[in-house]
């Protein structure tokens, strides 16, 4: 913690400077590798979430329609 009284002496003159510096107790150092790691982790998590949503949504897998799904209408007959 760099707080305290600092003194500078030049050519017989003496000057003092009081410094009060408050540092964060719960801070972390954020440098380029840390930011890169956060960005990469975010992209990977987003891709995994997208794949999970794609798999869960139950997309059609080209299933063919069954005969019971179709109803043949006779020509000139009204739909009832």
PDB file of N, CA and C in Angstrom:
ATOM      1  N   UNK A   1       0.854  -1.177   0.000  1.00  0.00           N
ATOM      2  CA  UNK A   1       0.000   0.000   0.000  1.00  0.00           C
ATOM      3  C   UNK A   1       0.899   1.239   0.000  1.00  0.00           C
ATOM      4  N   UNK A   2       0.975   1.965  -1.114  1.00  0.00           N
ATOM      5  CA  UNK A   2       1.927   3.086  -1.217  1.00  0.00           C
ATOM      6  C   UNK A   2       1.406   4.388  -0.620  1.00  0.00           C
ATOM      7  N   UNK A   3       1.061   4.381   0.639  1.00  0.00           N
ATOM      8  CA  UNK A   3       0.617   5.624   1.259  1.00  0.00           C
ATOM      9  C   UNK A   3       1.662   6.084   2.261  1.00  0.00           C
ATOM     10  N   UNK A   4       1.685   7.356   2.506  1.00  0.00           N
ATOM     11  CA  UNK A   4       2.627   7.880   3.480  1.00  0.00           C
ATOM     12  C   UNK A   4       3.138   9.248   3.072  1.00  0.00           C
ATOM     13  N   UNK A   5       4.214   9.670   3.721  1.00  0.00           N
ATOM     14  CA  UNK A   5       4.818  10.977   3.496  1.00  0.00           C
ATOM     15  C   UNK A   5       6.085  10.783   2.676  1.00  0.00           C
ATOM     16  N   UNK A   6       6.143  11.418   1.513  1.00  0.00           N
ATOM     17  CA  UNK A   6       7.301  11.344   0.635  1.00  0.00           C
ATOM     18  C   UNK A   6       8.015  12.688   0.669  1.00  0.00           C
ATOM     19  N   UNK A   7       9.354  12.628   0.733  1.00  0.00           N
ATOM     20  CA  UNK A   7      10.168  13.841   0.855  1.00  0.00           C
ATOM     21  C   UNK A   7      11.132  13.915  -0.319  1.00  0.00           C
ATOM     22  N   UNK A   8      11.281  15.136  -0.862  1.00  0.00           N
ATOM     23  CA  UNK A   8      12.219  15.382  -1.948  1.00  0.00           C
ATOM     24  C   UNK A   8      13.135  16.534  -1.522  1.00  0.00           C
ATOM     25  N   UNK A   9      14.431  16.271  -1.549  1.00  0.00           N
ATOM     26  CA  UNK A   9      15.405  17.308  -1.192  1.00  0.00           C
ATOM     27  C   UNK A   9      16.233  17.667  -2.415  1.00  0.00           C
ATOM     28  N   UNK A  10      16.267  18.967  -2.736  1.00  0.00           N
ATOM     29  CA  UNK A  10      17.032  19.440  -3.876  1.00  0.00           C
ATOM     30  C   UNK A  10      17.722  20.747  -3.495  1.00  0.00           C
ATOM     31  N   UNK A  11      19.040  20.762  -3.552  1.00  0.00           N
ATOM     32  CA  UNK A  11      19.809  21.980  -3.309  1.00  0.00           C
ATOM     33  C   UNK A  11      19.470  22.683  -2.005  1.00  0.00           C
ATOM     34  N   UNK A  12      19.294  21.968  -0.960  1.00  0.00           N
ATOM     35  CA  UNK A  12      19.014  22.578   0.334  1.00  0.00           C
ATOM     36  C   UNK A  12      17.534  22.796   0.603  1.00  0.00           C
ATOM     37  N   UNK A  13      16.700  22.646  -0.386  1.00  0.00           N
ATOM     38  CA  UNK A  13      15.257  22.775  -0.164  1.00  0.00           C
ATOM     39  C   UNK A  13      14.658  21.389   0.073  1.00  0.00           C
ATOM     40  N   UNK A  14      13.722  21.390   0.974  1.00  0.00           N
ATOM     41  CA  UNK A  14      13.074  20.121   1.304  1.00  0.00           C
ATOM     42  C   UNK A  14      11.563  20.276   1.122  1.00  0.00           C
ATOM     43  N   UNK A  15      11.023  19.456   0.269  1.00  0.00           N
ATOM     44  CA  UNK A  15       9.577  19.470   0.019  1.00  0.00           C
ATOM     45  C   UNK A  15       9.007  18.104   0.401  1.00  0.00           C
ATOM     46  N   UNK A  16       7.841  18.123   0.971  1.00  0.00           N
ATOM     47  CA  UNK A  16       7.199  16.858   1.353  1.00  0.00           C
ATOM     48  C   UNK A  16       5.819  16.760   0.699  1.00  0.00           C
ATOM     49  N   UNK A  17       5.436  15.549   0.487  1.00  0.00           N
ATOM     50  CA  UNK A  17       4.153  15.278  -0.158  1.00  0.00           C
ATOM     51  C   UNK A  17       3.496  14.109   0.566  1.00  0.00           C
ATOM     52  N   UNK A  18       2.285  14.334   1.017  1.00  0.00           N
ATOM     53  CA  UNK A  18       1.527  13.273   1.689  1.00  0.00           C
ATOM     54  C   UNK A  18       0.664  12.559   0.647  1.00  0.00           C
ATOM     55  N   UNK A  19       0.806  11.249   0.582  1.00  0.00           N
ATOM     56  CA  UNK A  19       0.055  10.451  -0.388  1.00  0.00           C
ATOM     57  C   UNK A  19      -0.871   9.504   0.366  1.00  0.00           C
ATOM     58  N   UNK A  20      -2.123   9.553  -0.019  1.00  0.00           N
ATOM     59  CA  UNK A  20      -3.102   8.607   0.521  1.00  0.00           C
ATOM     60  C   UNK A  20      -3.722   7.896  -0.671  1.00  0.00           C
ATOM     61  N   UNK A  21      -3.446   6.630  -0.811  1.00  0.00           N
ATOM     62  CA  UNK A  21      -3.864   5.848  -1.968  1.00  0.00           C
ATOM     63  C   UNK A  21      -4.638   4.640  -1.479  1.00  0.00           C
ATOM     64  N   UNK A  22      -5.874   4.520  -1.900  1.00  0.00           N
ATOM     65  CA  UNK A  22      -6.695   3.392  -1.475  1.00  0.00           C
ATOM     66  C   UNK A  22      -6.713   2.346  -2.589  1.00  0.00           C
ATOM     67  N   UNK A  23      -6.348   1.134  -2.241  1.00  0.00           N
ATOM     68  CA  UNK A  23      -6.343   0.042  -3.212  1.00  0.00           C
ATOM     69  C   UNK A  23      -7.547  -0.862  -2.967  1.00  0.00           C
ATOM     70  N   UNK A  24      -8.003  -1.453  -4.016  1.00  0.00           N
ATOM     71  CA  UNK A  24      -9.144  -2.359  -3.944  1.00  0.00           C
ATOM     72  C   UNK A  24      -8.726  -3.654  -3.241  1.00  0.00           C
ATOM     73  N   UNK A  25      -9.565  -4.152  -2.362  1.00  0.00           N
ATOM     74  CA  UNK A  25      -9.258  -5.377  -1.632  1.00  0.00           C
ATOM     75  C   UNK A  25      -9.562  -6.631  -2.457  1.00  0.00           C
ATOM     76  N   UNK A  26     -10.587  -6.580  -3.310  1.00  0.00           N
ATOM     77  CA  UNK A  26     -11.025  -7.763  -4.060  1.00  0.00           C
ATOM     78  C   UNK A  26     -10.764  -7.635  -5.556  1.00  0.00           C
ATOM     79  N   UNK A  27      -9.775  -6.877  -5.935  1.00  0.00           N
ATOM     80  CA  UNK A  27      -9.499  -6.651  -7.357  1.00  0.00           C
ATOM     81  C   UNK A  27      -8.655  -7.786  -7.934  1.00  0.00           C
ATOM     82  N   UNK A  28      -8.836  -8.017  -9.223  1.00  0.00           N
ATOM     83  CA  UNK A  28      -7.980  -8.951  -9.940  1.00  0.00           C
ATOM     84  C   UNK A  28      -7.296  -8.189 -11.061  1.00  0.00           C
ATOM     85  N   UNK A  29      -6.140  -8.669 -11.454  1.00  0.00           N
ATOM     86  CA  UNK A  29      -5.412  -8.013 -12.528  1.00  0.00           C
ATOM     87  C   UNK A  29      -5.971  -8.491 -13.864  1.00  0.00           C
ATOM     88  N   UNK A  30      -6.386  -7.539 -14.671  1.00  0.00           N
ATOM     89  CA  UNK A  30      -6.954  -7.865 -15.971  1.00  0.00           C
ATOM     90  C   UNK A  30      -5.935  -7.486 -17.034  1.00  0.00           C
ATOM     91  N   UNK A  31      -5.301  -8.507 -17.594  1.00  0.00           N
ATOM     92  CA  UNK A  31      -4.321  -8.270 -18.645  1.00  0.00           C
ATOM     93  C   UNK A  31      -4.803  -8.964 -19.919  1.00  0.00           C
ATOM     94  N   UNK A  32      -4.012  -8.911 -20.965  1.00  0.00           N
ATOM     95  CA  UNK A  32      -4.424  -9.452 -22.269  1.00  0.00           C
ATOM     96  C   UNK A  32      -4.765 -10.944 -22.223  1.00  0.00           C
ATOM     97  N   UNK A  33      -3.972 -11.802 -21.571  1.00  0.00           N
ATOM     98  CA  UNK A  33      -4.358 -13.224 -21.523  1.00  0.00           C
ATOM     99  C   UNK A  33      -5.675 -13.467 -20.780  1.00  0.00           C
ATOM    100  N   UNK A  34      -5.939 -12.687 -19.745  1.00  0.00           N
ATOM    101  CA  UNK A  34      -7.193 -12.847 -19.007  1.00  0.00           C
ATOM    102  C   UNK A  34      -8.382 -12.487 -19.883  1.00  0.00           C
ATOM    103  N   UNK A  35      -8.284 -11.368 -20.587  1.00  0.00           N
ATOM    104  CA  UNK A  35      -9.373 -10.945 -21.466  1.00  0.00           C
ATOM    105  C   UNK A  35      -9.558 -11.953 -22.596  1.00  0.00           C
ATOM    106  N   UNK A  36      -8.465 -12.451 -23.150  1.00  0.00           N
ATOM    107  CA  UNK A  36      -8.554 -13.456 -24.215  1.00  0.00           C
ATOM    108  C   UNK A  36      -9.242 -14.721 -23.713  1.00  0.00           C
ATOM    109  N   UNK A  37      -8.902 -15.155 -22.518  1.00  0.00           N
ATOM    110  CA  UNK A  37      -9.537 -16.337 -21.941  1.00  0.00           C
ATOM    111  C   UNK A  37     -11.025 -16.150 -21.733  1.00  0.00           C
ATOM    112  N   UNK A  38     -11.422 -14.965 -21.283  1.00  0.00           N
ATOM    113  CA  UNK A  38     -12.843 -14.682 -21.074  1.00  0.00           C
ATOM    114  C   UNK A  38     -13.586 -14.705 -22.406  1.00  0.00           C
ATOM    115  N   UNK A  39     -13.003 -14.102 -23.435  1.00  0.00           N
ATOM    116  CA  UNK A  39     -13.651 -14.062 -24.752  1.00  0.00           C
ATOM    117  C   UNK A  39     -13.774 -15.466 -25.340  1.00  0.00           C
ATOM    118  N   UNK A  40     -12.712 -16.259 -25.257  1.00  0.00           N
ATOM    119  CA  UNK A  40     -12.750 -17.628 -25.797  1.00  0.00           C
ATOM    120  C   UNK A  40     -13.774 -18.471 -25.041  1.00  0.00           C
ATOM    121  N   UNK A  41     -13.808 -18.359 -23.725  1.00  0.00           N
ATOM    122  CA  UNK A  41     -14.782 -19.117 -22.933  1.00  0.00           C
ATOM    123  C   UNK A  41     -16.206 -18.708 -23.286  1.00  0.00           C
ATOM    124  N   UNK A  42     -16.430 -17.427 -23.531  1.00  0.00           N
ATOM    125  CA  UNK A  42     -17.760 -16.951 -23.907  1.00  0.00           C
ATOM    126  C   UNK A  42     -18.181 -17.512 -25.261  1.00  0.00           C
ATOM    127  N   UNK A  43     -17.274 -17.528 -26.222  1.00  0.00           N
ATOM    128  CA  UNK A  43     -17.592 -18.066 -27.553  1.00  0.00           C
ATOM    129  C   UNK A  43     -17.880 -19.562 -27.467  1.00  0.00           C
ATOM    130  N   UNK A  44     -17.077 -20.301 -26.718  1.00  0.00           N
ATOM    131  CA  UNK A  44     -17.294 -21.748 -26.571  1.00  0.00           C
ATOM    132  C   UNK A  44     -18.632 -22.022 -25.893  1.00  0.00           C
ATOM    133  N   UNK A  45     -18.948 -21.274 -24.844  1.00  0.00           N
ATOM    134  CA  UNK A  45     -20.222 -21.467 -24.151  1.00  0.00           C
ATOM    135  C   UNK A  45     -21.397 -21.152 -25.073  1.00  0.00           C
ATOM    136  N   UNK A  46     -21.272 -20.111 -25.880  1.00  0.00           N
ATOM    137  CA  UNK A  46     -22.339 -19.761 -26.815  1.00  0.00           C
ATOM    138  C   UNK A  46     -22.536 -20.857 -27.860  1.00  0.00           C
ATOM    139  N   UNK A  47     -21.445 -21.400 -28.386  1.00  0.00           N
ATOM    140  CA  UNK A  47     -21.552 -22.486 -29.365  1.00  0.00           C
ATOM    141  C   UNK A  47     -22.186 -23.733 -28.754  1.00  0.00           C
ATOM    142  N   UNK A  48     -21.786 -24.080 -27.538  1.00  0.00           N
ATOM    143  CA  UNK A  48     -22.381 -25.245 -26.876  1.00  0.00           C
ATOM    144  C   UNK A  48     -23.873 -25.046 -26.637  1.00  0.00           C
ATOM    145  N   UNK A  49     -24.253 -23.838 -26.247  1.00  0.00           N
ATOM    146  CA  UNK A  49     -25.669 -23.542 -26.033  1.00  0.00           C
ATOM    147  C   UNK A  49     -26.444 -23.624 -27.345  1.00  0.00           C
ATOM    148  N   UNK A  50     -25.858 -23.126 -28.434  1.00  0.00           N
ATOM    149  CA  UNK A  50     -26.525 -23.192 -29.735  1.00  0.00           C
ATOM    150  C   UNK A  50     -26.711 -24.639 -30.184  1.00  0.00           C
ATOM    151  N   UNK A  51     -25.696 -25.478 -29.992  1.00  0.00           N
ATOM    152  CA  UNK A  51     -25.805 -26.894 -30.361  1.00  0.00           C
ATOM    153  C   UNK A  51     -26.853 -27.587 -29.501  1.00  0.00           C
ATOM    154  N   UNK A  52     -26.890 -27.276 -28.219  1.00  0.00           N
ATOM    155  CA  UNK A  52     -27.885 -27.882 -27.330  1.00  0.00           C
ATOM    156  C   UNK A  52     -29.298 -27.496 -27.745  1.00  0.00           C
ATOM    157  N   UNK A  53     -29.511 -26.235 -28.076  1.00  0.00           N
ATOM    158  CA  UNK A  53     -30.841 -25.798 -28.515  1.00  0.00           C
ATOM    159  C   UNK A  53     -31.213 -26.480 -29.824  1.00  0.00           C
ATOM    160  N   UNK A  54     -30.255 -26.601 -30.724  1.00  0.00           N
ATOM    161  CA  UNK A  54     -30.510 -27.257 -32.012  1.00  0.00           C
ATOM    162  C   UNK A  54     -30.904 -28.721 -31.808  1.00  0.00           C
ATOM    163  N   UNK A  55     -30.234 -29.395 -30.892  1.00  0.00           N
ATOM    164  CA  UNK A  55     -30.531 -30.807 -30.649  1.00  0.00           C
ATOM    165  C   UNK A  55     -31.858 -31.000 -29.924  1.00  0.00           C
ATOM    166  N   UNK A  56     -32.211 -30.093 -29.050  1.00  0.00           N
ATOM    167  CA  UNK A  56     -33.413 -30.251 -28.238  1.00  0.00           C
ATOM    168  C   UNK A  56     -34.675 -29.872 -29.008  1.00  0.00           C
ATOM    169  N   UNK A  57     -34.577 -28.981 -29.972  1.00  0.00           N
ATOM    170  CA  UNK A  57     -35.778 -28.489 -30.650  1.00  0.00           C
ATOM    171  C   UNK A  57     -36.499 -29.545 -31.459  1.00  0.00           C
ATOM    172  N   UNK A  58     -35.883 -30.667 -31.726  1.00  0.00           N
ATOM    173  CA  UNK A  58     -36.561 -31.755 -32.422  1.00  0.00           C
ATOM    174  C   UNK A  58     -36.840 -31.422 -33.873  1.00  0.00           C
ATOM    175  N   UNK A  59     -35.840 -31.069 -34.605  1.00  0.00           N
ATOM    176  CA  UNK A  59     -35.999 -30.736 -36.016  1.00  0.00           C
ATOM    177  C   UNK A  59     -36.413 -31.982 -36.800  1.00  0.00           C
ATOM    178  N   UNK A  60     -37.119 -31.757 -37.907  1.00  0.00           N
ATOM    179  CA  UNK A  60     -37.573 -32.872 -38.745  1.00  0.00           C
ATOM    180  C   UNK A  60     -36.381 -33.536 -39.401  1.00  0.00           C
ATOM    181  N   UNK A  61     -36.386 -34.847 -39.388  1.00  0.00           N
ATOM    182  CA  UNK A  61     -35.265 -35.583 -39.967  1.00  0.00           C
ATOM    183  C   UNK A  61     -35.686 -36.258 -41.265  1.00  0.00           C
ATOM    184  N   UNK A  62     -36.477 -35.579 -42.061  1.00  0.00           N
ATOM    185  CA  UNK A  62     -36.875 -36.111 -43.354  1.00  0.00           C
ATOM    186  C   UNK A  62     -37.766 -37.328 -43.252  1.00  0.00           C
ATOM    187  N   UNK A  63     -38.657 -37.335 -42.272  1.00  0.00           N
ATOM    188  CA  UNK A  63     -39.521 -38.502 -42.136  1.00  0.00           C
ATOM    189  C   UNK A  63     -40.581 -38.465 -43.238  1.00  0.00           C
ATOM    190  N   UNK A  64     -40.868 -39.629 -43.773  1.00  0.00           N
ATOM    191  CA  UNK A  64     -41.866 -39.717 -44.836  1.00  0.00           C
ATOM    192  C   UNK A  64     -43.245 -39.781 -44.212  1.00  0.00           C
ATOM    193  N   UNK A  65     -44.208 -39.223 -44.916  1.00  0.00           N
ATOM    194  CA  UNK A  65     -45.561 -39.219 -44.374  1.00  0.00           C
ATOM    195  C   UNK A  65     -46.171 -40.614 -44.497  1.00  0.00           C
ATOM    196  N   UNK A  66     -46.921 -40.973 -43.516  1.00  0.00           N
ATOM    197  CA  UNK A  66     -47.574 -42.277 -43.512  1.00  0.00           C
ATOM    198  C   UNK A  66     -48.897 -42.191 -44.265  1.00  0.00           C
ATOM    199  N   UNK A  67     -49.422 -43.322 -44.635  1.00  0.00           N
ATOM    200  CA  UNK A  67     -50.692 -43.349 -45.365  1.00  0.00           C
ATOM    201  C   UNK A  67     -51.818 -42.796 -44.510  1.00  0.00           C
ATOM    202  N   UNK A  68     -51.740 -42.980 -43.211  1.00  0.00           N
ATOM    203  CA  UNK A  68     -52.796 -42.489 -42.336  1.00  0.00           C
ATOM    204  C   UNK A  68     -52.762 -40.970 -42.200  1.00  0.00           C
ATOM    205  N   UNK A  69     -51.651 -40.346 -42.598  1.00  0.00           N
ATOM    206  CA  UNK A  69     -51.565 -38.889 -42.525  1.00  0.00           C
ATOM    207  C   UNK A  69     -52.266 -38.218 -43.707  1.00  0.00           C
ATOM    208  N   UNK A  70     -52.529 -38.956 -44.766  1.00  0.00           N
ATOM    209  CA  UNK A  70     -53.138 -38.380 -45.966  1.00  0.00           C
ATOM    210  C   UNK A  70     -54.586 -38.840 -46.097  1.00  0.00           C
ATOM    211  N   UNK A  71     -55.370 -37.968 -46.658  1.00  0.00           N
ATOM    212  CA  UNK A  71     -56.761 -38.327 -46.913  1.00  0.00           C
ATOM    213  C   UNK A  71     -57.046 -37.998 -48.372  1.00  0.00           C
ATOM    214  N   UNK A  72     -57.445 -38.981 -49.121  1.00  0.00           N
ATOM    215  CA  UNK A  72     -57.750 -38.772 -50.532  1.00  0.00           C
ATOM    216  C   UNK A  72     -59.160 -38.230 -50.668  1.00  0.00           C
ATOM    217  N   UNK A  73     -59.291 -37.108 -51.356  1.00  0.00           N
ATOM    218  CA  UNK A  73     -60.599 -36.512 -51.571  1.00  0.00           C
ATOM    219  C   UNK A  73     -61.113 -36.924 -52.945  1.00  0.00           C
ATOM    220  N   UNK A  74     -62.384 -37.175 -52.996  1.00  0.00           N
ATOM    221  CA  UNK A  74     -63.024 -37.513 -54.266  1.00  0.00           C
ATOM    222  C   UNK A  74     -63.282 -36.210 -55.007  1.00  0.00           C
ATOM    223  N   UNK A  75     -63.075 -36.221 -56.312  1.00  0.00           N
ATOM    224  CA  UNK A  75     -63.256 -35.014 -57.116  1.00  0.00           C
ATOM    225  C   UNK A  75     -64.679 -34.492 -56.985  1.00  0.00           C
ATOM    226  N   UNK A  76     -64.814 -33.163 -56.916  1.00  0.00           N
ATOM    227  CA  UNK A  76     -66.096 -32.448 -56.820  1.00  0.00           C
ATOM    228  C   UNK A  76     -66.854 -32.748 -55.535  1.00  0.00           C
ATOM    229  N   UNK A  77     -66.195 -33.217 -54.518  1.00  0.00           N
ATOM    230  CA  UNK A  77     -66.854 -33.450 -53.231  1.00  0.00           C
ATOM    231  C   UNK A  77     -66.410 -32.355 -52.272  1.00  0.00           C
ATOM    232  N   UNK A  78     -67.327 -31.796 -51.539  1.00  0.00           N
ATOM    233  CA  UNK A  78     -67.009 -30.726 -50.608  1.00  0.00           C
ATOM    234  C   UNK A  78     -66.300 -31.288 -49.387  1.00  0.00           C
ATOM    235  N   UNK A  79     -65.420 -30.487 -48.867  1.00  0.00           N
ATOM    236  CA  UNK A  79     -64.703 -30.880 -47.648  1.00  0.00           C
ATOM    237  C   UNK A  79     -65.649 -30.791 -46.472  1.00  0.00           C
ATOM    238  N   UNK A  80     -65.721 -31.807 -45.648  1.00  0.00           N
ATOM    239  CA  UNK A  80     -66.614 -31.795 -44.493  1.00  0.00           C
ATOM    240  C   UNK A  80     -65.834 -31.947 -43.224  1.00  0.00           C
TER     241      UNK A  80
END
